[in-house]
PDB file of all heavy atoms in Angstrom:
ATOM      1  N   ASN A   1     -80.635-102.278 -46.451  1.00  0.00           N
ATOM      2  CA  ASN A   1     -81.207-101.644 -45.230  1.00  0.00           C
ATOM      3  C   ASN A   1     -80.368-100.446 -44.767  1.00  0.00           C
ATOM      4  O   ASN A   1     -80.095-100.318 -43.558  1.00  0.00           O
ATOM      5  CB  ASN A   1     -81.350-102.709 -44.084  1.00  0.00           C
ATOM      6  CG  ASN A   1     -82.373-103.709 -44.421  1.00  0.00           C
ATOM      7  OD1 ASN A   1     -83.135-103.604 -45.366  1.00  0.00           O
ATOM      8  ND2 ASN A   1     -82.362-104.896 -43.683  1.00  0.00           N
ATOM      9  N   GLU A   2     -79.994 -99.628 -45.747  1.00  0.00           N
ATOM     10  CA  GLU A   2     -79.178 -98.465 -45.461  1.00  0.00           C
ATOM     11  C   GLU A   2     -77.915 -98.632 -44.766  1.00  0.00           C
ATOM     12  O   GLU A   2     -77.317 -97.784 -44.060  1.00  0.00           O
ATOM     13  CB  GLU A   2     -80.044 -97.429 -44.612  1.00  0.00           C
ATOM     14  CG  GLU A   2     -81.393 -97.022 -45.246  1.00  0.00           C
ATOM     15  CD  GLU A   2     -81.130 -96.164 -46.442  1.00  0.00           C
ATOM     16  OE1 GLU A   2     -80.076 -95.522 -46.550  1.00  0.00           O
ATOM     17  OE2 GLU A   2     -82.001 -96.202 -47.360  1.00  0.00           O
ATOM     18  N   GLN A   3     -77.379 -99.908 -44.903  1.00  0.00           N
ATOM     19  CA  GLN A   3     -76.126-100.305 -44.377  1.00  0.00           C
ATOM     20  C   GLN A   3     -75.115-100.661 -45.387  1.00  0.00           C
ATOM     21  O   GLN A   3     -74.671 -99.810 -46.189  1.00  0.00           O
ATOM     22  CB  GLN A   3     -76.311-101.369 -43.265  1.00  0.00           C
ATOM     23  CG  GLN A   3     -77.176-100.911 -42.132  1.00  0.00           C
ATOM     24  CD  GLN A   3     -77.532-101.988 -41.123  1.00  0.00           C
ATOM     25  OE1 GLN A   3     -76.900-103.000 -41.152  1.00  0.00           O
ATOM     26  NE2 GLN A   3     -78.505-101.729 -40.248  1.00  0.00           N
ATOM     27  N   GLU A   4     -74.670-101.899 -45.403  1.00  0.00           N
ATOM     28  CA  GLU A   4     -73.554-102.286 -46.239  1.00  0.00           C
ATOM     29  C   GLU A   4     -73.939-102.118 -47.795  1.00  0.00           C
ATOM     30  O   GLU A   4     -75.082-102.342 -48.050  1.00  0.00           O
ATOM     31  CB  GLU A   4     -72.991-103.675 -45.948  1.00  0.00           C
ATOM     32  CG  GLU A   4     -73.951-104.802 -46.196  1.00  0.00           C
ATOM     33  CD  GLU A   4     -74.714-105.239 -44.936  1.00  0.00           C
ATOM     34  OE1 GLU A   4     -75.354-104.470 -44.369  1.00  0.00           O
ATOM     35  OE2 GLU A   4     -74.500-106.392 -44.623  1.00  0.00           O
ATOM     36  N   ILE A   5     -72.897-101.945 -48.533  1.00  0.00           N
ATOM     37  CA  ILE A   5     -73.181-101.909 -50.053  1.00  0.00           C
ATOM     38  C   ILE A   5     -72.305-103.073 -50.657  1.00  0.00           C
ATOM     39  O   ILE A   5     -71.142-103.250 -50.415  1.00  0.00           O
ATOM     40  CB  ILE A   5     -72.675-100.572 -50.602  1.00  0.00           C
ATOM     41  CG1 ILE A   5     -73.481 -99.426 -49.993  1.00  0.00           C
ATOM     42  CG2 ILE A   5     -72.840-100.643 -52.107  1.00  0.00           C
ATOM     43  CD1 ILE A   5     -73.052 -98.049 -50.514  1.00  0.00           C
ATOM     44  N   LEU A   6     -73.053-103.922 -51.441  1.00  0.00           N
ATOM     45  CA  LEU A   6     -72.458-105.007 -52.105  1.00  0.00           C
ATOM     46  C   LEU A   6     -72.855-105.061 -53.590  1.00  0.00           C
ATOM     47  O   LEU A   6     -73.903-104.536 -53.980  1.00  0.00           O
ATOM     48  CB  LEU A   6     -72.926-106.308 -51.499  1.00  0.00           C
ATOM     49  CG  LEU A   6     -72.543-106.615 -49.959  1.00  0.00           C
ATOM     50  CD1 LEU A   6     -73.343-107.709 -49.350  1.00  0.00           C
ATOM     51  CD2 LEU A   6     -70.993-106.795 -49.856  1.00  0.00           C
ATOM     52  N   ARG A   7     -72.029-105.669 -54.382  1.00  0.00           N
ATOM     53  CA  ARG A   7     -72.239-105.833 -55.770  1.00  0.00           C
ATOM     54  C   ARG A   7     -73.391-106.839 -55.976  1.00  0.00           C
ATOM     55  O   ARG A   7     -73.522-107.751 -55.279  1.00  0.00           O
ATOM     56  CB  ARG A   7     -71.067-106.301 -56.585  1.00  0.00           C
ATOM     57  CG  ARG A   7     -70.037-105.138 -56.682  1.00  0.00           C
ATOM     58  CD  ARG A   7     -68.767-105.621 -57.604  1.00  0.00           C
ATOM     59  NE  ARG A   7     -68.073-106.705 -56.791  1.00  0.00           N
ATOM     60  CZ  ARG A   7     -67.436-107.663 -57.275  1.00  0.00           C
ATOM     61  NH1 ARG A   7     -67.318-107.813 -58.553  1.00  0.00           N
ATOM     62  NH2 ARG A   7     -66.771-108.586 -56.556  1.00  0.00           N
ATOM     63  N   GLY A   8     -74.155-106.629 -57.131  1.00  0.00           N
ATOM     64  CA  GLY A   8     -75.149-107.600 -57.500  1.00  0.00           C
ATOM     65  C   GLY A   8     -74.534-109.017 -57.719  1.00  0.00           C
ATOM     66  O   GLY A   8     -75.198-110.005 -57.314  1.00  0.00           O
ATOM     67  N   LYS A   9     -73.362-109.041 -58.183  1.00  0.00           N
ATOM     68  CA  LYS A   9     -72.758-110.375 -58.517  1.00  0.00           C
ATOM     69  C   LYS A   9     -72.587-111.100 -57.206  1.00  0.00           C
ATOM     70  O   LYS A   9     -72.846-112.388 -57.138  1.00  0.00           O
ATOM     71  CB  LYS A   9     -71.443-110.239 -59.283  1.00  0.00           C
ATOM     72  CG  LYS A   9     -70.774-111.518 -59.586  1.00  0.00           C
ATOM     73  CD  LYS A   9     -69.520-111.252 -60.358  1.00  0.00           C
ATOM     74  CE  LYS A   9     -69.745-110.827 -61.814  1.00  0.00           C
ATOM     75  NZ  LYS A   9     -68.546-110.812 -62.623  1.00  0.00           N
ATOM     76  N   ILE A  10     -72.143-110.431 -56.185  1.00  0.00           N
ATOM     77  CA  ILE A  10     -71.899-111.059 -54.893  1.00  0.00           C
ATOM     78  C   ILE A  10     -73.243-111.506 -54.317  1.00  0.00           C
ATOM     79  O   ILE A  10     -73.383-112.721 -53.833  1.00  0.00           O
ATOM     80  CB  ILE A  10     -71.203-110.119 -53.940  1.00  0.00           C
ATOM     81  CG1 ILE A  10     -69.785-109.809 -54.383  1.00  0.00           C
ATOM     82  CG2 ILE A  10     -71.171-110.677 -52.463  1.00  0.00           C
ATOM     83  CD1 ILE A  10     -68.900-110.981 -54.385  1.00  0.00           C
ATOM     84  N   LEU A  11     -74.220-110.633 -54.302  1.00  0.00           N
ATOM     85  CA  LEU A  11     -75.536-110.985 -53.807  1.00  0.00           C
ATOM     86  C   LEU A  11     -76.190-112.150 -54.509  1.00  0.00           C
ATOM     87  O   LEU A  11     -76.843-113.005 -53.749  1.00  0.00           O
ATOM     88  CB  LEU A  11     -76.493-109.779 -53.736  1.00  0.00           C
ATOM     89  CG  LEU A  11     -75.961-108.633 -52.835  1.00  0.00           C
ATOM     90  CD1 LEU A  11     -76.846-107.404 -53.076  1.00  0.00           C
ATOM     91  CD2 LEU A  11     -76.228-109.106 -51.352  1.00  0.00           C
ATOM     92  N   MET A  12     -76.020-112.263 -55.805  1.00  0.00           N
ATOM     93  CA  MET A  12     -76.670-113.334 -56.553  1.00  0.00           C
ATOM     94  C   MET A  12     -75.889-114.613 -56.476  1.00  0.00           C
ATOM     95  O   MET A  12     -76.439-115.710 -56.423  1.00  0.00           O
ATOM     96  CB  MET A  12     -76.842-112.961 -57.942  1.00  0.00           C
ATOM     97  CG  MET A  12     -78.003-111.876 -58.104  1.00  0.00           C
ATOM     98  SD  MET A  12     -78.392-111.585 -59.769  1.00  0.00           S
ATOM     99  CE  MET A  12     -76.957-110.733 -60.457  1.00  0.00           C
ATOM    100  N   SER A  13     -74.629-114.493 -56.332  1.00  0.00           N
ATOM    101  CA  SER A  13     -73.712-115.725 -56.286  1.00  0.00           C
ATOM    102  C   SER A  13     -73.648-116.293 -54.900  1.00  0.00           C
ATOM    103  O   SER A  13     -73.645-117.489 -54.682  1.00  0.00           O
ATOM    104  CB  SER A  13     -72.323-115.451 -56.697  1.00  0.00           C
ATOM    105  OG  SER A  13     -72.267-114.910 -58.018  1.00  0.00           O
ATOM    106  N   VAL A  14     -73.607-115.439 -53.792  1.00  0.00           N
ATOM    107  CA  VAL A  14     -73.558-115.874 -52.455  1.00  0.00           C
ATOM    108  C   VAL A  14     -74.957-115.902 -51.771  1.00  0.00           C
ATOM    109  O   VAL A  14     -75.316-116.827 -51.068  1.00  0.00           O
ATOM    110  CB  VAL A  14     -72.531-115.045 -51.727  1.00  0.00           C
ATOM    111  CG1 VAL A  14     -72.465-115.545 -50.240  1.00  0.00           C
ATOM    112  CG2 VAL A  14     -71.189-115.131 -52.323  1.00  0.00           C
ATOM    113  N   GLY A  15     -75.661-114.750 -51.957  1.00  0.00           N
ATOM    114  CA  GLY A  15     -76.953-114.617 -51.351  1.00  0.00           C
ATOM    115  C   GLY A  15     -77.003-113.554 -50.314  1.00  0.00           C
ATOM    116  O   GLY A  15     -75.950-112.953 -49.961  1.00  0.00           O
ATOM    117  N   LEU A  16     -78.174-113.344 -49.783  1.00  0.00           N
ATOM    118  CA  LEU A  16     -78.317-112.374 -48.587  1.00  0.00           C
ATOM    119  C   LEU A  16     -78.035-113.148 -47.354  1.00  0.00           C
ATOM    120  O   LEU A  16     -78.417-114.299 -47.114  1.00  0.00           O
ATOM    121  CB  LEU A  16     -79.755-111.927 -48.525  1.00  0.00           C
ATOM    122  CG  LEU A  16     -80.128-110.762 -49.485  1.00  0.00           C
ATOM    123  CD1 LEU A  16     -81.654-110.495 -49.385  1.00  0.00           C
ATOM    124  CD2 LEU A  16     -79.416-109.459 -49.152  1.00  0.00           C
ATOM    125  N   LYS A  17     -77.204-112.426 -46.491  1.00  0.00           N
ATOM    126  CA  LYS A  17     -76.965-113.094 -45.146  1.00  0.00           C
ATOM    127  C   LYS A  17     -78.208-113.298 -44.320  1.00  0.00           C
ATOM    128  O   LYS A  17     -78.939-112.333 -44.139  1.00  0.00           O
ATOM    129  CB  LYS A  17     -76.001-112.240 -44.449  1.00  0.00           C
ATOM    130  CG  LYS A  17     -75.439-112.902 -43.243  1.00  0.00           C
ATOM    131  CD  LYS A  17     -74.225-112.083 -42.570  1.00  0.00           C
ATOM    132  CE  LYS A  17     -73.032-112.071 -43.491  1.00  0.00           C
ATOM    133  NZ  LYS A  17     -71.891-111.405 -42.801  1.00  0.00           N
ATOM    134  N   LYS A  18     -78.507-114.487 -43.950  1.00  0.00           N
ATOM    135  CA  LYS A  18     -79.604-114.842 -43.188  1.00  0.00           C
ATOM    136  C   LYS A  18     -79.518-114.187 -41.774  1.00  0.00           C
ATOM    137  O   LYS A  18     -78.469-114.112 -41.199  1.00  0.00           O
ATOM    138  CB  LYS A  18     -79.775-116.246 -42.964  1.00  0.00           C
ATOM    139  CG  LYS A  18     -81.075-116.734 -42.257  1.00  0.00           C
ATOM    140  CD  LYS A  18     -81.171-118.207 -41.912  1.00  0.00           C
ATOM    141  CE  LYS A  18     -81.365-119.043 -43.048  1.00  0.00           C
ATOM    142  NZ  LYS A  18     -81.657-120.522 -42.661  1.00  0.00           N
ATOM    143  N   PRO A  19     -80.676-113.716 -41.242  1.00  0.00           N
ATOM    144  CA  PRO A  19     -80.623-113.150 -39.940  1.00  0.00           C
ATOM    145  C   PRO A  19     -80.095-114.234 -38.903  1.00  0.00           C
ATOM    146  O   PRO A  19     -80.305-115.378 -39.062  1.00  0.00           O
ATOM    147  CB  PRO A  19     -82.082-112.795 -39.556  1.00  0.00           C
ATOM    148  CG  PRO A  19     -82.749-112.703 -40.842  1.00  0.00           C
ATOM    149  CD  PRO A  19     -82.045-113.659 -41.849  1.00  0.00           C
ATOM    150  N   ARG A  20     -79.384-113.663 -37.824  1.00  0.00           N
ATOM    151  CA  ARG A  20     -78.865-114.662 -36.833  1.00  0.00           C
ATOM    152  C   ARG A  20     -79.951-115.185 -36.017  1.00  0.00           C
ATOM    153  O   ARG A  20     -80.713-114.402 -35.341  1.00  0.00           O
ATOM    154  CB  ARG A  20     -77.858-113.903 -35.974  1.00  0.00           C
ATOM    155  CG  ARG A  20     -76.592-113.520 -36.661  1.00  0.00           C
ATOM    156  CD  ARG A  20     -75.544-112.950 -35.714  1.00  0.00           C
ATOM    157  NE  ARG A  20     -76.030-111.691 -35.126  1.00  0.00           N
ATOM    158  CZ  ARG A  20     -75.951-110.529 -35.702  1.00  0.00           C
ATOM    159  NH1 ARG A  20     -75.395-110.441 -36.868  1.00  0.00           N
ATOM    160  NH2 ARG A  20     -76.387-109.399 -35.055  1.00  0.00           N
ATOM    161  N   LEU A  21     -80.165-116.523 -36.003  1.00  0.00           N
ATOM    162  CA  LEU A  21     -81.256-117.146 -35.305  1.00  0.00           C
ATOM    163  C   LEU A  21     -80.782-117.570 -33.936  1.00  0.00           C
ATOM    164  O   LEU A  21     -79.583-117.955 -33.721  1.00  0.00           O
ATOM    165  CB  LEU A  21     -81.722-118.359 -36.112  1.00  0.00           C
ATOM    166  CG  LEU A  21     -82.172-118.089 -37.530  1.00  0.00           C
ATOM    167  CD1 LEU A  21     -82.587-119.477 -38.286  1.00  0.00           C
ATOM    168  CD2 LEU A  21     -83.275-117.160 -37.579  1.00  0.00           C
ATOM    169  N   PHE A  22     -81.660-117.521 -32.927  1.00  0.00           N
ATOM    170  CA  PHE A  22     -81.380-118.006 -31.612  1.00  0.00           C
ATOM    171  C   PHE A  22     -80.985-119.495 -31.525  1.00  0.00           C
ATOM    172  O   PHE A  22     -81.716-120.297 -32.113  1.00  0.00           O
ATOM    173  CB  PHE A  22     -82.521-117.629 -30.708  1.00  0.00           C
ATOM    174  CG  PHE A  22     -82.204-118.096 -29.212  1.00  0.00           C
ATOM    175  CD1 PHE A  22     -81.232-117.474 -28.537  1.00  0.00           C
ATOM    176  CD2 PHE A  22     -82.874-119.068 -28.596  1.00  0.00           C
ATOM    177  CE1 PHE A  22     -80.991-117.700 -27.172  1.00  0.00           C
ATOM    178  CE2 PHE A  22     -82.683-119.414 -27.310  1.00  0.00           C
ATOM    179  CZ  PHE A  22     -81.663-118.757 -26.593  1.00  0.00           C
ATOM    180  N   ASN A  23     -79.822-119.775 -31.056  1.00  0.00           N
ATOM    181  CA  ASN A  23     -79.333-121.250 -30.954  1.00  0.00           C
ATOM    182  C   ASN A  23     -79.162-121.749 -29.615  1.00  0.00           C
ATOM    183  O   ASN A  23     -78.574-122.842 -29.351  1.00  0.00           O
ATOM    184  CB  ASN A  23     -78.053-121.305 -31.780  1.00  0.00           C
ATOM    185  CG  ASN A  23     -76.865-120.636 -31.179  1.00  0.00           C
ATOM    186  OD1 ASN A  23     -76.989-120.034 -30.103  1.00  0.00           O
ATOM    187  ND2 ASN A  23     -75.844-120.632 -31.760  1.00  0.00           N
ATOM    188  N   GLY A  24     -79.808-121.008 -28.567  1.00  0.00           N
ATOM    189  CA  GLY A  24     -79.769-121.532 -27.246  1.00  0.00           C
ATOM    190  C   GLY A  24     -78.555-120.924 -26.434  1.00  0.00           C
ATOM    191  O   GLY A  24     -78.514-121.040 -25.187  1.00  0.00           O
ATOM    192  N   ALA A  25     -77.549-120.339 -27.221  1.00  0.00           N
ATOM    193  CA  ALA A  25     -76.364-119.842 -26.472  1.00  0.00           C
ATOM    194  C   ALA A  25     -76.001-118.425 -26.856  1.00  0.00           C
ATOM    195  O   ALA A  25     -75.411-117.692 -26.087  1.00  0.00           O
ATOM    196  CB  ALA A  25     -75.127-120.730 -26.842  1.00  0.00           C
ATOM    197  N   ASN A  26     -76.468-117.954 -28.046  1.00  0.00           N
ATOM    198  CA  ASN A  26     -76.124-116.549 -28.557  1.00  0.00           C
ATOM    199  C   ASN A  26     -77.080-115.556 -27.986  1.00  0.00           C
ATOM    200  O   ASN A  26     -77.659-114.772 -28.770  1.00  0.00           O
ATOM    201  CB  ASN A  26     -75.957-116.627 -30.040  1.00  0.00           C
ATOM    202  CG  ASN A  26     -77.277-117.013 -30.712  1.00  0.00           C
ATOM    203  OD1 ASN A  26     -78.189-117.501 -30.153  1.00  0.00           O
ATOM    204  ND2 ASN A  26     -77.376-116.700 -32.045  1.00  0.00           N
TER     205      ASN A  26
END
C-alpha cells in the first residue's frame, strides 16, 4: 500500500499484518 517494504520470505513466513480491529478500548 505504498508504505513499508518487506521481503517475500517474511511475508510468506509471517504473513500480512491484520488490520487493527476495534476491541472496545482502542
